[in-house]
């Protein structure tokens, strides 16, 4: 069970921050400008989770982690309160770093 926890934490971090990260590439203007700090944190978390998935777990397991995270992103697309969602994703990434340091 403890071996699966880091992979799940990475998937959660990626999945909860991915939708907000994608807003960087849209042209919604004012709504994006009002919550730029949340979008910047989401971008950092999602790109970090993506890179750590492949770098730490290899291409096969990393790809599975990314697919699970993207599935979570599809499920969580309709959730409101983006600051809370991105905060949870950052917390999940921090928990991954903490857990992976103690498992190594």
N, C-alpha and C. Protein backbone atom coordinates (compact mmCIF):
# COMPACT_ATOMS: atom_id res chain seq x y z
N UNK A 1 0.83 -1.20 0.00
CA UNK A 1 0.00 0.00 0.00
C UNK A 1 0.86 1.26 0.00
N UNK A 2 1.92 1.22 0.79
CA UNK A 2 2.77 2.39 0.88
C UNK A 2 3.53 2.65 -0.41
N UNK A 3 3.73 1.62 -1.23
CA UNK A 3 4.43 1.79 -2.49
C UNK A 3 3.57 2.50 -3.53
N UNK A 4 2.26 2.42 -3.40
CA UNK A 4 1.33 3.01 -4.36
C UNK A 4 1.05 4.48 -4.02
N UNK A 5 1.24 4.85 -2.77
CA UNK A 5 0.91 6.20 -2.31
C UNK A 5 1.62 7.31 -3.09
N UNK A 6 2.93 7.24 -3.35
CA UNK A 6 3.55 8.31 -4.12
C UNK A 6 2.97 8.49 -5.52
N UNK A 7 2.66 7.39 -6.17
CA UNK A 7 2.07 7.48 -7.51
C UNK A 7 0.69 8.12 -7.47
N UNK A 8 -0.10 7.78 -6.47
CA UNK A 8 -1.42 8.39 -6.33
C UNK A 8 -1.32 9.88 -6.02
N UNK A 9 -0.36 10.25 -5.19
CA UNK A 9 -0.19 11.67 -4.88
C UNK A 9 0.20 12.46 -6.11
N UNK A 10 1.05 11.90 -6.96
CA UNK A 10 1.41 12.58 -8.20
C UNK A 10 0.21 12.71 -9.13
N UNK A 11 -0.59 11.66 -9.23
CA UNK A 11 -1.79 11.71 -10.07
C UNK A 11 -2.77 12.76 -9.58
N UNK A 12 -2.94 12.84 -8.27
CA UNK A 12 -3.85 13.84 -7.71
C UNK A 12 -3.32 15.24 -7.96
N UNK A 13 -2.02 15.44 -7.76
CA UNK A 13 -1.44 16.77 -8.00
C UNK A 13 -1.62 17.19 -9.45
N UNK A 14 -1.37 16.28 -10.37
CA UNK A 14 -1.52 16.60 -11.79
C UNK A 14 -2.98 16.82 -12.15
N UNK A 15 -3.85 15.95 -11.69
CA UNK A 15 -5.26 16.02 -12.06
C UNK A 15 -5.96 17.26 -11.55
N UNK A 16 -5.65 17.68 -10.34
CA UNK A 16 -6.33 18.83 -9.77
C UNK A 16 -5.79 20.16 -10.29
N UNK A 17 -4.59 20.17 -10.83
CA UNK A 17 -4.04 21.43 -11.32
C UNK A 17 -4.10 21.57 -12.84
N UNK A 18 -4.37 20.50 -13.54
CA UNK A 18 -4.28 20.51 -15.00
C UNK A 18 -5.28 21.46 -15.66
N UNK A 19 -6.54 21.46 -15.22
CA UNK A 19 -7.55 22.30 -15.85
C UNK A 19 -7.21 23.78 -15.71
N UNK A 20 -6.72 24.15 -14.55
CA UNK A 20 -6.35 25.55 -14.34
C UNK A 20 -5.12 25.91 -15.17
N UNK A 21 -4.19 24.97 -15.30
CA UNK A 21 -3.01 25.19 -16.12
C UNK A 21 -3.39 25.41 -17.58
N UNK A 22 -4.36 24.68 -18.07
CA UNK A 22 -4.78 24.82 -19.47
C UNK A 22 -5.39 26.18 -19.77
N UNK A 23 -5.90 26.87 -18.75
CA UNK A 23 -6.45 28.20 -18.96
C UNK A 23 -5.39 29.19 -19.41
N UNK A 24 -4.13 28.86 -19.19
CA UNK A 24 -3.04 29.71 -19.63
C UNK A 24 -3.08 29.89 -21.15
N UNK A 25 -3.54 28.88 -21.84
CA UNK A 25 -3.53 28.89 -23.30
C UNK A 25 -4.85 29.32 -23.92
N UNK A 26 -5.82 29.69 -23.09
CA UNK A 26 -7.09 30.15 -23.63
C UNK A 26 -7.08 31.68 -23.72
N UNK A 27 -8.08 32.22 -24.34
CA UNK A 27 -8.12 33.68 -24.54
C UNK A 27 -9.31 34.29 -23.80
N UNK A 28 -9.47 33.95 -22.53
CA UNK A 28 -10.60 34.48 -21.77
C UNK A 28 -10.31 35.83 -21.13
N UNK A 29 -9.12 36.32 -21.22
CA UNK A 29 -8.77 37.68 -20.83
C UNK A 29 -8.99 38.04 -19.38
N UNK A 30 -10.11 38.73 -19.10
CA UNK A 30 -10.34 39.30 -17.78
C UNK A 30 -10.45 38.26 -16.67
N UNK A 31 -11.16 37.17 -16.92
CA UNK A 31 -11.31 36.16 -15.87
C UNK A 31 -9.98 35.51 -15.54
N UNK A 32 -9.11 35.39 -16.50
CA UNK A 32 -7.79 34.82 -16.24
C UNK A 32 -6.91 35.82 -15.51
N UNK A 33 -7.00 37.08 -15.85
CA UNK A 33 -6.19 38.11 -15.20
C UNK A 33 -6.53 38.25 -13.72
N UNK A 34 -7.79 38.05 -13.37
CA UNK A 34 -8.21 38.20 -11.98
C UNK A 34 -7.63 37.12 -11.08
N UNK A 35 -7.35 35.96 -11.61
CA UNK A 35 -6.84 34.87 -10.80
C UNK A 35 -5.49 34.37 -11.31
N UNK A 36 -4.65 35.28 -11.74
CA UNK A 36 -3.34 34.91 -12.27
C UNK A 36 -2.46 34.19 -11.25
N UNK A 37 -2.43 34.57 -9.97
CA UNK A 37 -1.59 33.81 -9.02
C UNK A 37 -1.99 32.34 -8.91
N UNK A 38 -3.29 32.07 -8.93
CA UNK A 38 -3.76 30.68 -8.86
C UNK A 38 -3.32 29.92 -10.11
N UNK A 39 -3.40 30.58 -11.25
CA UNK A 39 -3.00 29.94 -12.50
C UNK A 39 -1.50 29.67 -12.54
N UNK A 40 -0.71 30.59 -11.99
CA UNK A 40 0.75 30.38 -11.95
C UNK A 40 1.12 29.21 -11.05
N UNK A 41 0.46 29.09 -9.91
CA UNK A 41 0.72 27.96 -9.02
C UNK A 41 0.29 26.66 -9.69
N UNK A 42 -0.86 26.68 -10.36
CA UNK A 42 -1.34 25.49 -11.06
C UNK A 42 -0.36 25.05 -12.14
N UNK A 43 0.21 26.01 -12.85
CA UNK A 43 1.18 25.67 -13.89
C UNK A 43 2.42 25.04 -13.29
N UNK A 44 2.91 25.60 -12.20
CA UNK A 44 4.10 25.04 -11.56
C UNK A 44 3.84 23.64 -11.02
N UNK A 45 2.69 23.44 -10.40
CA UNK A 45 2.37 22.13 -9.83
C UNK A 45 2.17 21.10 -10.93
N UNK A 46 1.41 21.44 -11.96
CA UNK A 46 1.13 20.44 -13.00
C UNK A 46 2.39 20.07 -13.77
N UNK A 47 3.22 21.04 -14.10
CA UNK A 47 4.46 20.71 -14.83
C UNK A 47 5.44 19.93 -13.95
N UNK A 48 5.49 20.25 -12.67
CA UNK A 48 6.36 19.51 -11.75
C UNK A 48 5.87 18.07 -11.60
N UNK A 49 4.57 17.90 -11.43
CA UNK A 49 4.02 16.55 -11.29
C UNK A 49 4.23 15.74 -12.56
N UNK A 50 4.08 16.38 -13.70
CA UNK A 50 4.30 15.69 -14.98
C UNK A 50 5.75 15.25 -15.11
N UNK A 51 6.68 16.15 -14.80
CA UNK A 51 8.10 15.81 -14.91
C UNK A 51 8.51 14.76 -13.89
N UNK A 52 8.03 14.86 -12.66
CA UNK A 52 8.39 13.88 -11.64
C UNK A 52 7.80 12.50 -11.95
N UNK A 53 6.63 12.47 -12.58
CA UNK A 53 6.02 11.19 -12.92
C UNK A 53 6.91 10.39 -13.85
N UNK A 54 7.43 11.03 -14.86
CA UNK A 54 8.25 10.33 -15.84
C UNK A 54 9.68 10.14 -15.33
N UNK A 55 10.23 11.14 -14.66
CA UNK A 55 11.62 11.06 -14.21
C UNK A 55 11.80 10.04 -13.08
N UNK A 56 10.87 10.01 -12.14
CA UNK A 56 11.03 9.11 -10.99
C UNK A 56 10.52 7.70 -11.25
N UNK A 57 9.48 7.59 -12.05
CA UNK A 57 8.83 6.29 -12.21
C UNK A 57 9.12 5.61 -13.54
N UNK A 58 9.76 6.29 -14.47
CA UNK A 58 10.04 5.70 -15.77
C UNK A 58 8.91 5.97 -16.73
N UNK A 59 9.14 5.69 -18.02
CA UNK A 59 8.14 6.05 -19.03
C UNK A 59 6.84 5.25 -18.94
N UNK A 60 6.91 3.98 -18.57
CA UNK A 60 5.70 3.16 -18.54
C UNK A 60 4.81 3.51 -17.36
N UNK A 61 5.35 3.44 -16.16
CA UNK A 61 4.57 3.78 -14.97
C UNK A 61 4.27 5.27 -14.93
N UNK A 62 5.20 6.09 -15.40
CA UNK A 62 4.97 7.52 -15.48
C UNK A 62 3.81 7.86 -16.40
N UNK A 63 3.73 7.16 -17.52
CA UNK A 63 2.60 7.37 -18.44
C UNK A 63 1.27 6.98 -17.81
N UNK A 64 1.28 5.90 -17.03
CA UNK A 64 0.06 5.48 -16.34
C UNK A 64 -0.35 6.52 -15.29
N UNK A 65 0.62 7.09 -14.60
CA UNK A 65 0.33 8.13 -13.60
C UNK A 65 -0.26 9.36 -14.28
N UNK A 66 0.31 9.74 -15.42
CA UNK A 66 -0.19 10.90 -16.16
C UNK A 66 -1.61 10.64 -16.66
N UNK A 67 -1.87 9.45 -17.19
CA UNK A 67 -3.22 9.13 -17.67
C UNK A 67 -4.23 9.14 -16.53
N UNK A 68 -3.85 8.63 -15.37
CA UNK A 68 -4.74 8.67 -14.22
C UNK A 68 -5.00 10.10 -13.78
N UNK A 69 -3.96 10.93 -13.82
CA UNK A 69 -4.13 12.34 -13.48
C UNK A 69 -5.03 13.07 -14.47
N UNK A 70 -4.88 12.77 -15.75
CA UNK A 70 -5.74 13.41 -16.76
C UNK A 70 -7.19 12.94 -16.63
N UNK A 71 -7.39 11.68 -16.23
CA UNK A 71 -8.75 11.21 -15.97
C UNK A 71 -9.36 11.97 -14.78
N UNK A 72 -8.56 12.21 -13.76
CA UNK A 72 -9.04 13.00 -12.62
C UNK A 72 -9.33 14.44 -13.05
N UNK A 73 -8.55 14.97 -13.98
CA UNK A 73 -8.80 16.33 -14.47
C UNK A 73 -10.14 16.41 -15.19
N UNK A 74 -10.48 15.39 -15.95
CA UNK A 74 -11.77 15.37 -16.64
C UNK A 74 -12.91 15.31 -15.62
N UNK A 75 -12.73 14.50 -14.60
CA UNK A 75 -13.77 14.36 -13.57
C UNK A 75 -13.93 15.67 -12.78
N UNK A 76 -12.82 16.33 -12.48
CA UNK A 76 -12.87 17.52 -11.63
C UNK A 76 -13.07 18.82 -12.40
N UNK A 77 -13.36 18.73 -13.66
CA UNK A 77 -13.48 19.94 -14.49
C UNK A 77 -14.60 20.86 -14.03
N UNK A 78 -15.67 20.32 -13.54
CA UNK A 78 -16.81 21.14 -13.14
C UNK A 78 -16.74 21.69 -11.73
N UNK A 79 -15.69 21.40 -11.00
CA UNK A 79 -15.60 21.87 -9.62
C UNK A 79 -15.34 23.37 -9.58
N UNK A 80 -15.97 24.02 -8.63
CA UNK A 80 -15.73 25.45 -8.47
C UNK A 80 -14.65 25.67 -7.42
N UNK A 81 -14.38 26.92 -7.08
CA UNK A 81 -13.37 27.30 -6.10
C UNK A 81 -11.97 26.87 -6.52
N UNK A 82 -11.46 27.47 -7.60
CA UNK A 82 -10.16 27.05 -8.13
C UNK A 82 -9.00 27.22 -7.16
N UNK A 83 -9.06 28.20 -6.27
CA UNK A 83 -7.96 28.39 -5.32
C UNK A 83 -7.85 27.20 -4.38
N UNK A 84 -8.97 26.66 -3.95
CA UNK A 84 -8.96 25.50 -3.05
C UNK A 84 -8.47 24.26 -3.80
N UNK A 85 -8.92 24.08 -5.02
CA UNK A 85 -8.52 22.92 -5.81
C UNK A 85 -7.02 22.95 -6.09
N UNK A 86 -6.50 24.09 -6.48
CA UNK A 86 -5.06 24.21 -6.75
C UNK A 86 -4.27 24.08 -5.45
N UNK A 87 -4.81 24.57 -4.36
CA UNK A 87 -4.16 24.39 -3.06
C UNK A 87 -4.05 22.91 -2.68
N UNK A 88 -5.11 22.16 -2.95
CA UNK A 88 -5.06 20.72 -2.69
C UNK A 88 -4.04 20.02 -3.58
N UNK A 89 -3.92 20.47 -4.81
CA UNK A 89 -2.94 19.85 -5.70
C UNK A 89 -1.52 20.17 -5.25
N UNK A 90 -1.28 21.39 -4.77
CA UNK A 90 0.05 21.75 -4.25
C UNK A 90 0.35 20.96 -2.99
N UNK A 91 -0.65 20.76 -2.15
CA UNK A 91 -0.48 19.95 -0.94
C UNK A 91 -0.17 18.50 -1.30
N UNK A 92 -0.81 17.99 -2.33
CA UNK A 92 -0.54 16.63 -2.78
C UNK A 92 0.88 16.48 -3.32
N UNK A 93 1.35 17.49 -4.05
CA UNK A 93 2.73 17.46 -4.55
C UNK A 93 3.73 17.53 -3.41
N UNK A 94 3.46 18.37 -2.42
CA UNK A 94 4.34 18.47 -1.25
C UNK A 94 4.35 17.16 -0.47
N UNK A 95 3.20 16.52 -0.36
CA UNK A 95 3.14 15.22 0.32
C UNK A 95 3.92 14.17 -0.46
N UNK A 96 3.86 14.23 -1.79
CA UNK A 96 4.65 13.30 -2.60
C UNK A 96 6.14 13.46 -2.32
N UNK A 97 6.60 14.70 -2.30
CA UNK A 97 8.03 14.95 -2.04
C UNK A 97 8.41 14.43 -0.66
N UNK A 98 7.56 14.67 0.33
CA UNK A 98 7.85 14.21 1.67
C UNK A 98 7.88 12.68 1.76
N UNK A 99 6.88 12.04 1.19
CA UNK A 99 6.79 10.58 1.24
C UNK A 99 7.92 9.94 0.44
N UNK A 100 8.21 10.48 -0.73
CA UNK A 100 9.25 9.85 -1.56
C UNK A 100 10.64 10.00 -0.94
N UNK A 101 10.86 11.05 -0.17
CA UNK A 101 12.16 11.18 0.51
C UNK A 101 12.32 10.12 1.60
N UNK A 102 11.23 9.77 2.25
CA UNK A 102 11.31 8.78 3.34
C UNK A 102 11.29 7.35 2.84
N UNK A 103 10.78 7.13 1.62
CA UNK A 103 10.76 5.77 1.08
C UNK A 103 12.08 5.40 0.42
N UNK A 104 12.85 6.38 0.02
CA UNK A 104 14.10 6.09 -0.69
C UNK A 104 15.19 5.63 0.23
